[in-house]
Structures are given as structure tokens and as C-alpha cells.
Amino acid sequence: MRGLDPRIHLPEKSFFHGLPGIGERKRRRPSNMPGNGKCGSDVPARLFLSSGDLVADRRFDFARDLQLKGDLAAAADLLSQATELAPGFASAWFTLGEIREQLGERDAAIAAFRNAQAADPDDRHGASLRLMLLGADKLSAMPPAYVRALFDQYAPKFETALVDDLGYRGPALLFKAVLSARLAVRKPAFFKRAIDLGCGTGLAAAAFAKEVDHFIGVDLSPRMIERARLTGLYAQLEVAEMVEGLRGRPDSSAELVLAADAMVYLSDLAAELREVKRVLVAGGLLAFTVETHGGEGVVLGEGLRYAHGAGYLRASISDAGLTLSRCEDLSARNEDNVPVPGLVVVATKT
């Protein structure tokens, strides 16, 4: 599940083929998709969950047109009408929250996002993340349905958007870091079995293909798994959240665990790091990239990706019983053509 970003990275825009009550509405360039940057004009529609009321749906459409034209007050009025007609209209509540926020009406935005959350308990729009950004809720985990929807949507064009538009270099940085870590202890950089967490379309596996005999890929998005399967790089693939995927693996069953641009979707790394230690053999490596910030702890950025402070990472790795081998200030991708502050981390099970 590597990253575009919510203005290009987390979904307000998603394709949901074959799901009842979910439509595809083509719009202009999205303001939210995985990984940020500008990924071109040919982008999918934003997530739309039908209200089941034709009049309410039409008012939503008119409101979106007005929003895109910059007439926010008129758009908000139409969305209010739509929610009066269909009080459980999650897409209208979410879009109303966006507009209220743009208008500087914080309390009204919070109320709208809470209604969007209540209308869609799976929170496919990611209203909970918007509430965190507004300071209305404490930092917490991302809704899995939101992450799955996001990456299912971008699977067909994921690599082009990520590599060409965002200058993604995470796998290459991890490969270099792993080689350096092995060289430092005078061990060969060859691994019989490796687990690729948040494997996406297989970019990390491609970087390590000659050094890994048996690759296992884990990703929350079925469509990403479909793309990864086409590469022929994986001996096994599993649709699962990262911690869940690790829990299904035997003790001491992997020599390498990779997470390229995947930890940015986890606020708390403790459970994942504990499972990584369990599945690694003695001397095995964990290598991952994260976005970072100059402060302490974990924050949710405007791009709707978590940034982990260096101190937090060091403490979390130590608490999990792993030994930090490398922690380098390196950026795995760009945002608006500027490198995003990041860390490349390698830890060892001693």
C-alpha cells in the first residue's frame, strides 16, 4: 500500500465496481489521493455512496459542480437540502464537512464529518481522519475500509503515478540500506524467505528479486494483490492488514521483512514490530521507510499519512526487542516536487 496521498492519496475519490449503492462520478482532478503530488488530469471519480433518494443524489451532483466552480456557499446550501431529504447520506455529509472547513466554519465542519461517520460506520470517506486533523478527535488508527478503498481505486495506475509523478524511490533506498547493514556484519545479502508488508503492486519485491528465494506479499487491497500476482515475483500473496498478515506466519519463519511506504498508514507501530520480531529468525532484518517530522511522537499530516518522529521510532524498535542497525534521513518520495522528510530504517533481531 504505498503511497500517493489524500489530495492524491486518501480517498475522497474511489472506484467501487460491483458494490450496491456505490456510483462512479467523474470529476476534475482530485484533491485527495494516495501520496500527494499532481498525478495528472485522468483521475478516477471521488467516492460516492448513493443516498437511495434520486432527488437527494441530484442535489449532491449539483452541489459538487458548484463546489468545483468555487461557489461554496451555494454548494453548502444544496448539500444541506440533500441531507434533509436523506439524513443518512454519507457522501453529502462528508462533502458538506469539506466545504464548511473551507469556509472556516470549524464547528459546522466537525458536525458534518461526525454525521458522515455515523452514516457510514466503515468510514470509507475517511471522516475520522478529517476530525483528527481538525483536532476534534485524538490520533487513532486509519479505518481499514478507507485504506482498502483508496488502493483498490489506484491499483491500475499506481506505479505510473507513484514513480513518474512522485519520484518514488523507497525500494531502491531499502535495498541499499539492507546491503549496507549486511556488509557491516559481513553477511551475504541473500534471504531464503522474505515478507513484503503492504506489498502493493510489487515494487519492493522487484528491487529485491535477485536476493530473495521465496517472497510473501501482504496487502489490504485485493486489487493491489491482483497486480502483484501478475509480476510472478511472489510465492504467496495474502489480502490482509499488515499485523493480521504477520500473525498468520509461524515463529522464526522469515529472514527479511520489508515495508516500503506502508508504515505511513499506521499510527502505532508497536503491534506490528512485536509480530515482526516473532516471525524473524535470529539475525533477520526488518527494513522500512516512514515519513517523519521534527517533533516527538506521531502526527497525521495534511496528506492524511502518519509521520513518525525519530525518537518514537527508536523507542518503539527497542521496546519490541529489536536492535536498530540504521536510521537514515532519506526521502522516499516527493510532494509538489519537494522531497518529503523521511527515514529509512533497518532493525535486526539479535
Foldseek 3Di string as FASTA:
>chain_A
DAFCFFCACFAQFFDDPPDPQWDWDDDFRGGTHTNAFGQDGPATGGTAGHLPDPVLVVLQVVLVVCVVVPVLVSSLVSLVVSCVVRVLGLNSLQVNLVSCVVVVNLVSSLVSLVSSCVSPVLPLRFSVLVCVVSVNDPDDATRLNRNQRRLLGCQVPVVVRFCVRWVFAQLVVLVVVLCVLCVVVVHDQAWAEEEEEQCFLNPNLVSCQVRYNAYEYEHQYPSSQVNNVVVVSHPYYYNDHRLVVLVVAAFQATQEYEYENNCQNGQDCQSVLLSVLRNHHAFGKYKYKFFADDDAGWDQDPRRTIHHHPVNVCVSNVVSQWAWRDWDFDARTHHNNHGGTMIITMIGRD
